[in-house]
Amino acid sequence: MQTVHIYSRIGADGVLKFSLPLGAQDANKDVVITIQSVERTESEVPQKPWNEFLDATYGSCAGLGVERGPQGTYEVRETLD
Protein backbone atom coordinates (compact mmCIF):
# COMPACT_ATOMS: atom_id res chain seq x y z
CA MET A 1 0.00 0.00 0.00
CA GLN A 2 1.20 3.48 -0.79
CA THR A 3 -0.11 6.87 0.26
CA VAL A 4 -0.17 9.67 -2.28
CA HIS A 5 -0.97 13.26 -1.31
CA ILE A 6 -2.44 15.45 -4.05
CA TYR A 7 -3.22 19.09 -3.37
CA SER A 8 -5.92 20.30 -5.73
CA ARG A 9 -8.68 22.89 -5.74
CA ILE A 10 -12.36 22.22 -6.24
CA GLY A 11 -13.60 24.22 -9.22
CA ALA A 12 -16.30 26.88 -9.15
CA ASP A 13 -18.72 24.24 -10.43
CA GLY A 14 -18.13 22.17 -7.29
CA VAL A 15 -16.26 19.42 -9.13
CA LEU A 16 -12.82 18.14 -8.12
CA LYS A 17 -10.81 17.02 -11.14
CA PHE A 18 -7.45 15.27 -11.00
CA SER A 19 -5.52 12.61 -12.84
CA LEU A 20 -3.07 10.26 -11.17
CA PRO A 21 -1.18 7.87 -13.44
CA LEU A 22 0.08 4.99 -11.29
CA GLY A 23 1.35 2.59 -13.94
CA ALA A 24 0.32 -0.70 -15.47
CA GLN A 25 1.34 -2.70 -12.40
CA ASP A 26 -1.52 -1.05 -10.48
CA ALA A 27 -4.18 -1.68 -13.13
CA ASN A 28 -7.45 -3.33 -12.05
CA LYS A 29 -6.87 -2.71 -8.34
CA ASP A 30 -9.40 -1.19 -5.96
CA VAL A 31 -8.51 2.08 -4.24
CA VAL A 32 -9.94 4.28 -1.51
CA ILE A 33 -9.94 8.06 -1.96
CA THR A 34 -10.38 10.27 1.10
CA ILE A 35 -11.34 13.93 0.69
CA GLN A 36 -10.10 16.28 3.40
CA SER A 37 -10.48 20.07 3.25
CA VAL A 38 -7.34 22.06 3.96
CA GLU A 39 -7.39 25.63 5.17
CA ARG A 40 -4.30 27.58 4.15
CA THR A 41 -3.30 30.90 2.69
CA GLU A 42 -1.88 31.40 -0.79
CA SER A 43 1.59 31.91 0.68
CA GLU A 44 1.46 28.38 2.12
CA VAL A 45 0.73 26.72 -1.24
CA PRO A 46 3.87 24.90 -2.37
CA GLN A 47 5.14 26.44 -5.61
CA LYS A 48 8.33 25.91 -7.51
CA PRO A 49 10.10 29.01 -8.65
CA TRP A 50 10.05 29.52 -12.41
CA ASN A 51 13.81 28.92 -12.69
CA GLU A 52 13.51 25.48 -11.09
CA PHE A 53 10.74 24.56 -13.51
CA LEU A 54 12.85 25.59 -16.50
CA ASP A 55 15.88 23.68 -15.20
CA ALA A 56 13.78 20.56 -14.73
CA THR A 57 12.18 20.66 -18.19
CA TYR A 58 14.88 22.18 -20.40
CA GLY A 59 16.07 19.74 -23.03
CA SER A 60 13.33 17.20 -22.33
CA CYS A 61 12.58 16.89 -26.07
CA ALA A 62 16.21 17.00 -27.26
CA GLY A 63 16.36 13.32 -28.20
CA LEU A 64 13.06 13.23 -30.09
CA GLY A 65 14.48 14.43 -33.41
CA VAL A 66 12.15 17.42 -33.59
CA GLU A 67 13.44 20.04 -36.01
CA ARG A 68 12.21 23.48 -36.91
CA GLY A 69 11.48 23.60 -40.62
CA PRO A 70 11.99 26.50 -43.00
CA GLN A 71 10.05 29.57 -41.93
CA GLY A 72 9.55 31.07 -45.38
CA THR A 73 9.52 34.79 -46.09
CA TYR A 74 7.24 37.53 -44.87
CA GLU A 75 5.06 39.37 -47.31
CA VAL A 76 5.86 43.03 -47.88
CA ARG A 77 2.96 45.21 -46.74
CA GLU A 78 2.12 48.84 -47.23
CA THR A 79 3.27 51.13 -44.46
CA LEU A 80 0.70 52.70 -42.18
CA ASP A 81 0.86 56.48 -41.96
PDB file of N, CA and C in Angstrom:
ATOM      1  N   MET A   1       0.846  -1.180   0.000  1.00  0.00           N
ATOM      2  CA  MET A   1       0.000   0.000   0.000  1.00  0.00           C
ATOM      3  C   MET A   1       0.882   1.230   0.000  1.00  0.00           C
ATOM      4  N   GLN A   2       0.481   2.221  -0.779  1.00  0.00           N
ATOM      5  CA  GLN A   2       1.202   3.480  -0.789  1.00  0.00           C
ATOM      6  C   GLN A   2       0.219   4.614  -0.559  1.00  0.00           C
ATOM      7  N   THR A   3       0.700   5.684   0.032  1.00  0.00           N
ATOM      8  CA  THR A   3      -0.112   6.872   0.263  1.00  0.00           C
ATOM      9  C   THR A   3       0.391   7.971  -0.651  1.00  0.00           C
ATOM     10  N   VAL A   4      -0.513   8.586  -1.379  1.00  0.00           N
ATOM     11  CA  VAL A   4      -0.170   9.674  -2.285  1.00  0.00           C
ATOM     12  C   VAL A   4      -0.970  10.892  -1.854  1.00  0.00           C
ATOM     13  N   HIS A   5      -0.292  12.011  -1.663  1.00  0.00           N
ATOM     14  CA  HIS A   5      -0.967  13.261  -1.312  1.00  0.00           C
ATOM     15  C   HIS A   5      -1.030  14.136  -2.558  1.00  0.00           C
ATOM     16  N   ILE A   6      -2.234  14.558  -2.911  1.00  0.00           N
ATOM     17  CA  ILE A   6      -2.442  15.454  -4.051  1.00  0.00           C
ATOM     18  C   ILE A   6      -3.162  16.677  -3.523  1.00  0.00           C
ATOM     19  N   TYR A   7      -2.572  17.839  -3.757  1.00  0.00           N
ATOM     20  CA  TYR A   7      -3.224  19.085  -3.372  1.00  0.00           C
ATOM     21  C   TYR A   7      -3.862  19.665  -4.622  1.00  0.00           C
ATOM     22  N   SER A   8      -5.173  19.800  -4.585  1.00  0.00           N
ATOM     23  CA  SER A   8      -5.917  20.298  -5.729  1.00  0.00           C
ATOM     24  C   SER A   8      -7.014  21.220  -5.222  1.00  0.00           C
ATOM     25  N   ARG A   9      -7.619  21.955  -6.120  1.00  0.00           N
ATOM     26  CA  ARG A   9      -8.680  22.893  -5.742  1.00  0.00           C
ATOM     27  C   ARG A   9      -9.972  22.487  -6.436  1.00  0.00           C
ATOM     28  N   ILE A  10     -11.051  22.508  -5.674  1.00  0.00           N
ATOM     29  CA  ILE A  10     -12.364  22.223  -6.235  1.00  0.00           C
ATOM     30  C   ILE A  10     -12.780  23.420  -7.077  1.00  0.00           C
ATOM     31  N   GLY A  11     -13.226  23.160  -8.292  1.00  0.00           N
ATOM     32  CA  GLY A  11     -13.603  24.220  -9.219  1.00  0.00           C
ATOM     33  C   GLY A  11     -14.860  24.957  -8.788  1.00  0.00           C
ATOM     34  N   ALA A  12     -15.123  26.068  -9.460  1.00  0.00           N
ATOM     35  CA  ALA A  12     -16.305  26.884  -9.153  1.00  0.00           C
ATOM     36  C   ALA A  12     -17.602  26.109  -9.361  1.00  0.00           C
ATOM     37  N   ASP A  13     -17.539  25.069 -10.191  1.00  0.00           N
ATOM     38  CA  ASP A  13     -18.720  24.244 -10.429  1.00  0.00           C
ATOM     39  C   ASP A  13     -18.922  23.174  -9.360  1.00  0.00           C
ATOM     40  N   GLY A  14     -18.005  23.136  -8.371  1.00  0.00           N
ATOM     41  CA  GLY A  14     -18.127  22.175  -7.286  1.00  0.00           C
ATOM     42  C   GLY A  14     -17.564  20.806  -7.614  1.00  0.00           C
ATOM     43  N   VAL A  15     -16.805  20.704  -8.706  1.00  0.00           N
ATOM     44  CA  VAL A  15     -16.263  19.420  -9.134  1.00  0.00           C
ATOM     45  C   VAL A  15     -14.750  19.398  -8.925  1.00  0.00           C
ATOM     46  N   LEU A  16     -14.255  18.348  -8.299  1.00  0.00           N
ATOM     47  CA  LEU A  16     -12.822  18.144  -8.119  1.00  0.00           C
ATOM     48  C   LEU A  16     -12.329  17.270  -9.266  1.00  0.00           C
ATOM     49  N   LYS A  17     -11.346  17.761 -10.002  1.00  0.00           N
ATOM     50  CA  LYS A  17     -10.805  17.017 -11.141  1.00  0.00           C
ATOM     51  C   LYS A  17      -9.319  16.794 -10.917  1.00  0.00           C
ATOM     52  N   PHE A  18      -8.878  15.553 -11.059  1.00  0.00           N
ATOM     53  CA  PHE A  18      -7.453  15.269 -11.001  1.00  0.00           C
ATOM     54  C   PHE A  18      -7.178  13.965 -11.737  1.00  0.00           C
ATOM     55  N   SER A  19      -5.952  13.811 -12.156  1.00  0.00           N
ATOM     56  CA  SER A  19      -5.518  12.608 -12.843  1.00  0.00           C
ATOM     57  C   SER A  19      -4.270  12.104 -12.140  1.00  0.00           C
ATOM     58  N   LEU A  20      -4.204  10.821 -11.888  1.00  0.00           N
ATOM     59  CA  LEU A  20      -3.068  10.260 -11.166  1.00  0.00           C
ATOM     60  C   LEU A  20      -2.620   8.974 -11.856  1.00  0.00           C
ATOM     61  N   PRO A  21      -1.676   9.088 -12.793  1.00  0.00           N
ATOM     62  CA  PRO A  21      -1.177   7.871 -13.442  1.00  0.00           C
ATOM     63  C   PRO A  21      -0.305   7.076 -12.477  1.00  0.00           C
ATOM     64  N   LEU A  22      -0.656   5.825 -12.240  1.00  0.00           N
ATOM     65  CA  LEU A  22       0.077   4.992 -11.293  1.00  0.00           C
ATOM     66  C   LEU A  22       0.879   3.894 -11.981  1.00  0.00           C
ATOM     67  N   GLY A  23       0.611   3.615 -13.218  1.00  0.00           N
ATOM     68  CA  GLY A  23       1.351   2.591 -13.938  1.00  0.00           C
ATOM     69  C   GLY A  23       0.551   1.321 -14.148  1.00  0.00           C
ATOM     70  N   ALA A  24       1.022   0.524 -15.101  1.00  0.00           N
ATOM     71  CA  ALA A  24       0.316  -0.700 -15.469  1.00  0.00           C
ATOM     72  C   ALA A  24       0.282  -1.722 -14.342  1.00  0.00           C
ATOM     73  N   GLN A  25       1.299  -1.720 -13.494  1.00  0.00           N
ATOM     74  CA  GLN A  25       1.337  -2.701 -12.401  1.00  0.00           C
ATOM     75  C   GLN A  25       0.199  -2.502 -11.410  1.00  0.00           C
ATOM     76  N   ASP A  26      -0.414  -1.322 -11.393  1.00  0.00           N
ATOM     77  CA  ASP A  26      -1.519  -1.051 -10.479  1.00  0.00           C
ATOM     78  C   ASP A  26      -2.886  -1.137 -11.162  1.00  0.00           C
ATOM     79  N   ALA A  27      -2.912  -1.596 -12.399  1.00  0.00           N
ATOM     80  CA  ALA A  27      -4.182  -1.685 -13.126  1.00  0.00           C
ATOM     81  C   ALA A  27      -5.113  -2.708 -12.471  1.00  0.00           C
ATOM     82  N   ASN A  28      -6.393  -2.442 -12.547  1.00  0.00           N
ATOM     83  CA  ASN A  28      -7.448  -3.332 -12.045  1.00  0.00           C
ATOM     84  C   ASN A  28      -7.381  -3.583 -10.545  1.00  0.00           C
ATOM     85  N   LYS A  29      -6.888  -2.622  -9.803  1.00  0.00           N
ATOM     86  CA  LYS A  29      -6.872  -2.714  -8.343  1.00  0.00           C
ATOM     87  C   LYS A  29      -7.888  -1.734  -7.772  1.00  0.00           C
ATOM     88  N   ASP A  30      -8.473  -2.079  -6.644  1.00  0.00           N
ATOM     89  CA  ASP A  30      -9.403  -1.191  -5.963  1.00  0.00           C
ATOM     90  C   ASP A  30      -8.624  -0.187  -5.129  1.00  0.00           C
ATOM     91  N   VAL A  31      -9.148   1.034  -5.034  1.00  0.00           N
ATOM     92  CA  VAL A  31      -8.512   2.079  -4.238  1.00  0.00           C
ATOM     93  C   VAL A  31      -9.556   2.777  -3.380  1.00  0.00           C
ATOM     94  N   VAL A  32      -9.091   3.466  -2.359  1.00  0.00           N
ATOM     95  CA  VAL A  32      -9.938   4.284  -1.508  1.00  0.00           C
ATOM     96  C   VAL A  32      -9.422   5.714  -1.609  1.00  0.00           C
ATOM     97  N   ILE A  33     -10.309   6.649  -1.879  1.00  0.00           N
ATOM     98  CA  ILE A  33      -9.945   8.059  -1.960  1.00  0.00           C
ATOM     99  C   ILE A  33     -10.631   8.780  -0.818  1.00  0.00           C
ATOM    100  N   THR A  34      -9.850   9.514  -0.029  1.00  0.00           N
ATOM    101  CA  THR A  34     -10.376  10.266   1.100  1.00  0.00           C
ATOM    102  C   THR A  34     -10.255  11.748   0.788  1.00  0.00           C
ATOM    103  N   ILE A  35     -11.335  12.489   0.938  1.00  0.00           N
ATOM    104  CA  ILE A  35     -11.342  13.926   0.690  1.00  0.00           C
ATOM    105  C   ILE A  35     -11.254  14.638   2.029  1.00  0.00           C
ATOM    106  N   GLN A  36     -10.285  15.517   2.167  1.00  0.00           N
ATOM    107  CA  GLN A  36     -10.103  16.283   3.399  1.00  0.00           C
ATOM    108  C   GLN A  36      -9.843  17.730   3.027  1.00  0.00           C
ATOM    109  N   SER A  37     -10.674  18.647   3.521  1.00  0.00           N
ATOM    110  CA  SER A  37     -10.481  20.069   3.251  1.00  0.00           C
ATOM    111  C   SER A  37      -9.257  20.580   3.991  1.00  0.00           C
ATOM    112  N   VAL A  38      -8.538  21.484   3.368  1.00  0.00           N
ATOM    113  CA  VAL A  38      -7.339  22.062   3.962  1.00  0.00           C
ATOM    114  C   VAL A  38      -7.497  23.576   3.946  1.00  0.00           C
ATOM    115  N   GLU A  39      -7.328  24.176   5.072  1.00  0.00           N
ATOM    116  CA  GLU A  39      -7.387  25.635   5.173  1.00  0.00           C
ATOM    117  C   GLU A  39      -5.962  26.172   5.190  1.00  0.00           C
ATOM    118  N   ARG A  40      -5.626  26.962   4.187  1.00  0.00           N
ATOM    119  CA  ARG A  40      -4.304  27.576   4.155  1.00  0.00           C
ATOM    120  C   ARG A  40      -4.336  28.803   3.263  1.00  0.00           C
ATOM    121  N   THR A  41      -3.374  29.675   3.479  1.00  0.00           N
ATOM    122  CA  THR A  41      -3.298  30.896   2.692  1.00  0.00           C
ATOM    123  C   THR A  41      -2.511  30.627   1.418  1.00  0.00           C
ATOM    124  N   GLU A  42      -2.589  31.548   0.471  1.00  0.00           N
ATOM    125  CA  GLU A  42      -1.877  31.397  -0.793  1.00  0.00           C
ATOM    126  C   GLU A  42      -0.378  31.298  -0.588  1.00  0.00           C
ATOM    127  N   SER A  43       0.156  31.955   0.438  1.00  0.00           N
ATOM    128  CA  SER A  43       1.594  31.911   0.677  1.00  0.00           C
ATOM    129  C   SER A  43       2.049  30.531   1.154  1.00  0.00           C
ATOM    130  N   GLU A  44       1.118  29.712   1.649  1.00  0.00           N
ATOM    131  CA  GLU A  44       1.461  28.380   2.119  1.00  0.00           C
ATOM    132  C   GLU A  44       1.401  27.318   1.021  1.00  0.00           C
ATOM    133  N   VAL A  45       0.846  27.667  -0.145  1.00  0.00           N
ATOM    134  CA  VAL A  45       0.731  26.717  -1.242  1.00  0.00           C
ATOM    135  C   VAL A  45       2.117  26.455  -1.811  1.00  0.00           C
ATOM    136  N   PRO A  46       2.542  25.187  -1.854  1.00  0.00           N
ATOM    137  CA  PRO A  46       3.875  24.904  -2.371  1.00  0.00           C
ATOM    138  C   PRO A  46       3.969  25.224  -3.858  1.00  0.00           C
ATOM    139  N   GLN A  47       4.926  26.057  -4.221  1.00  0.00           N
ATOM    140  CA  GLN A  47       5.137  26.437  -5.609  1.00  0.00           C
ATOM    141  C   GLN A  47       6.623  26.400  -5.913  1.00  0.00           C
ATOM    142  N   LYS A  48       6.941  25.897  -7.088  1.00  0.00           N
ATOM    143  CA  LYS A  48       8.329  25.906  -7.510  1.00  0.00           C
ATOM    144  C   LYS A  48       8.602  27.232  -8.196  1.00  0.00           C
ATOM    145  N   PRO A  49       9.735  27.812  -7.911  1.00  0.00           N
ATOM    146  CA  PRO A  49      10.102  29.012  -8.651  1.00  0.00           C
ATOM    147  C   PRO A  49      10.250  28.692 -10.137  1.00  0.00           C
ATOM    148  N   TRP A  50      10.009  29.678 -10.962  1.00  0.00           N
ATOM    149  CA  TRP A  50      10.046  29.517 -12.412  1.00  0.00           C
ATOM    150  C   TRP A  50      11.393  28.958 -12.884  1.00  0.00           C
ATOM    151  N   ASN A  51      12.480  29.402 -12.284  1.00  0.00           N
ATOM    152  CA  ASN A  51      13.806  28.922 -12.695  1.00  0.00           C
ATOM    153  C   ASN A  51      13.950  27.420 -12.464  1.00  0.00           C
ATOM    154  N   GLU A  52      13.430  26.913 -11.365  1.00  0.00           N
ATOM    155  CA  GLU A  52      13.509  25.479 -11.091  1.00  0.00           C
ATOM    156  C   GLU A  52      12.706  24.686 -12.113  1.00  0.00           C
ATOM    157  N   PHE A  53      11.554  25.218 -12.501  1.00  0.00           N
ATOM    158  CA  PHE A  53      10.740  24.555 -13.513  1.00  0.00           C
ATOM    159  C   PHE A  53      11.497  24.485 -14.835  1.00  0.00           C
ATOM    160  N   LEU A  54      12.102  25.587 -15.243  1.00  0.00           N
ATOM    161  CA  LEU A  54      12.855  25.595 -16.501  1.00  0.00           C
ATOM    162  C   LEU A  54      14.031  24.632 -16.445  1.00  0.00           C
ATOM    163  N   ASP A  55      14.746  24.604 -15.341  1.00  0.00           N
ATOM    164  CA  ASP A  55      15.877  23.684 -15.200  1.00  0.00           C
ATOM    165  C   ASP A  55      15.426  22.234 -15.297  1.00  0.00           C
ATOM    166  N   ALA A  56      14.262  21.934 -14.740  1.00  0.00           N
ATOM    167  CA  ALA A  56      13.777  20.558 -14.727  1.00  0.00           C
ATOM    168  C   ALA A  56      13.261  20.107 -16.083  1.00  0.00           C
ATOM    169  N   THR A  57      12.792  21.040 -16.914  1.00  0.00           N
ATOM    170  CA  THR A  57      12.183  20.656 -18.188  1.00  0.00           C
ATOM    171  C   THR A  57      13.032  20.980 -19.403  1.00  0.00           C
ATOM    172  N   TYR A  58      14.052  21.797 -19.251  1.00  0.00           N
ATOM    173  CA  TYR A  58      14.876  22.184 -20.396  1.00  0.00           C
ATOM    174  C   TYR A  58      15.539  20.966 -21.022  1.00  0.00           C
ATOM    175  N   GLY A  59      15.432  20.839 -22.319  1.00  0.00           N
ATOM    176  CA  GLY A  59      16.065  19.738 -23.034  1.00  0.00           C
ATOM    177  C   GLY A  59      15.299  18.440 -22.986  1.00  0.00           C
ATOM    178  N   SER A  60      14.075  18.445 -22.462  1.00  0.00           N
ATOM    179  CA  SER A  60      13.326  17.197 -22.329  1.00  0.00           C
ATOM    180  C   SER A  60      12.931  16.604 -23.676  1.00  0.00           C
ATOM    181  N   CYS A  61      12.930  17.392 -24.734  1.00  0.00           N
ATOM    182  CA  CYS A  61      12.582  16.892 -26.070  1.00  0.00           C
ATOM    183  C   CYS A  61      13.801  16.791 -26.980  1.00  0.00           C
ATOM    184  N   ALA A  62      14.999  16.956 -26.437  1.00  0.00           N
ATOM    185  CA  ALA A  62      16.214  17.002 -27.256  1.00  0.00           C
ATOM    186  C   ALA A  62      16.426  15.720 -28.047  1.00  0.00           C
ATOM    187  N   GLY A  63      16.103  14.582 -27.514  1.00  0.00           N
ATOM    188  CA  GLY A  63      16.359  13.318 -28.196  1.00  0.00           C
ATOM    189  C   GLY A  63      15.232  12.845 -29.087  1.00  0.00           C
ATOM    190  N   LEU A  64      14.211  13.655 -29.306  1.00  0.00           N
ATOM    191  CA  LEU A  64      13.061  13.229 -30.093  1.00  0.00           C
ATOM    192  C   LEU A  64      13.218  13.471 -31.587  1.00  0.00           C
ATOM    193  N   GLY A  65      14.263  14.168 -31.994  1.00  0.00           N
ATOM    194  CA  GLY A  65      14.478  14.430 -33.412  1.00  0.00           C
ATOM    195  C   GLY A  65      13.564  15.499 -33.983  1.00  0.00           C
ATOM    196  N   VAL A  66      13.025  16.350 -33.131  1.00  0.00           N
ATOM    197  CA  VAL A  66      12.151  17.421 -33.595  1.00  0.00           C
ATOM    198  C   VAL A  66      13.015  18.539 -34.167  1.00  0.00           C
ATOM    199  N   GLU A  67      12.690  18.962 -35.380  1.00  0.00           N
ATOM    200  CA  GLU A  67      13.441  20.039 -36.015  1.00  0.00           C
ATOM    201  C   GLU A  67      12.488  21.136 -36.448  1.00  0.00           C
ATOM    202  N   ARG A  68      12.992  22.348 -36.437  1.00  0.00           N
ATOM    203  CA  ARG A  68      12.211  23.482 -36.911  1.00  0.00           C
ATOM    204  C   ARG A  68      12.446  23.615 -38.410  1.00  0.00           C
ATOM    205  N   GLY A  69      11.382  23.530 -39.158  1.00  0.00           N
ATOM    206  CA  GLY A  69      11.481  23.595 -40.618  1.00  0.00           C
ATOM    207  C   GLY A  69      11.691  25.018 -41.107  1.00  0.00           C
ATOM    208  N   PRO A  70      11.824  25.173 -42.422  1.00  0.00           N
ATOM    209  CA  PRO A  70      11.993  26.501 -42.998  1.00  0.00           C
ATOM    210  C   PRO A  70      10.800  27.394 -42.652  1.00  0.00           C
ATOM    211  N   GLN A  71      11.087  28.642 -42.358  1.00  0.00           N
ATOM    212  CA  GLN A  71      10.051  29.566 -41.926  1.00  0.00           C
ATOM    213  C   GLN A  71       9.472  30.390 -43.070  1.00  0.00           C
ATOM    214  N   GLY A  72      10.074  30.309 -44.251  1.00  0.00           N
ATOM    215  CA  GLY A  72       9.552  31.069 -45.379  1.00  0.00           C
ATOM    216  C   GLY A  72       9.917  32.535 -45.280  1.00  0.00           C
ATOM    217  N   THR A  73       9.255  33.349 -46.094  1.00  0.00           N
ATOM    218  CA  THR A  73       9.521  34.788 -46.085  1.00  0.00           C
ATOM    219  C   THR A  73       8.232  35.526 -45.757  1.00  0.00           C
ATOM    220  N   TYR A  74       8.389  36.694 -45.182  1.00  0.00           N
ATOM    221  CA  TYR A  74       7.241  37.528 -44.866  1.00  0.00           C
ATOM    222  C   TYR A  74       6.823  38.326 -46.086  1.00  0.00           C
ATOM    223  N   GLU A  75       5.541  38.539 -46.214  1.00  0.00           N
ATOM    224  CA  GLU A  75       5.060  39.374 -47.308  1.00  0.00           C
ATOM    225  C   GLU A  75       5.375  40.837 -47.005  1.00  0.00           C
ATOM    226  N   VAL A  76       5.588  41.602 -48.050  1.00  0.00           N
ATOM    227  CA  VAL A  76       5.858  43.031 -47.882  1.00  0.00           C
ATOM    228  C   VAL A  76       4.513  43.746 -47.890  1.00  0.00           C
ATOM    229  N   ARG A  77       4.243  44.510 -46.859  1.00  0.00           N
ATOM    230  CA  ARG A  77       2.964  45.210 -46.738  1.00  0.00           C
ATOM    231  C   ARG A  77       3.166  46.720 -46.883  1.00  0.00           C
ATOM    232  N   GLU A  78       2.074  47.376 -47.165  1.00  0.00           N
ATOM    233  CA  GLU A  78       2.119  48.836 -47.226  1.00  0.00           C
ATOM    234  C   GLU A  78       2.356  49.389 -45.835  1.00  0.00           C
ATOM    235  N   THR A  79       3.050  50.490 -45.754  1.00  0.00           N
ATOM    236  CA  THR A  79       3.275  51.127 -44.461  1.00  0.00           C
ATOM    237  C   THR A  79       2.044  51.894 -44.019  1.00  0.00           C
ATOM    238  N   LEU A  80       1.820  51.937 -42.730  1.00  0.00           N
ATOM    239  CA  LEU A  80       0.705  52.705 -42.178  1.00  0.00           C
ATOM    240  C   LEU A  80       1.195  54.091 -41.835  1.00  0.00           C
ATOM    241  N   ASP A  81       0.471  55.085 -42.261  1.00  0.00           N
ATOM    242  CA  ASP A  81       0.860  56.476 -41.957  1.00  0.00           C
ATOM    243  C   ASP A  81       0.075  57.045 -40.830  1.00  0.00           C
TER     244      ASP A  81
END
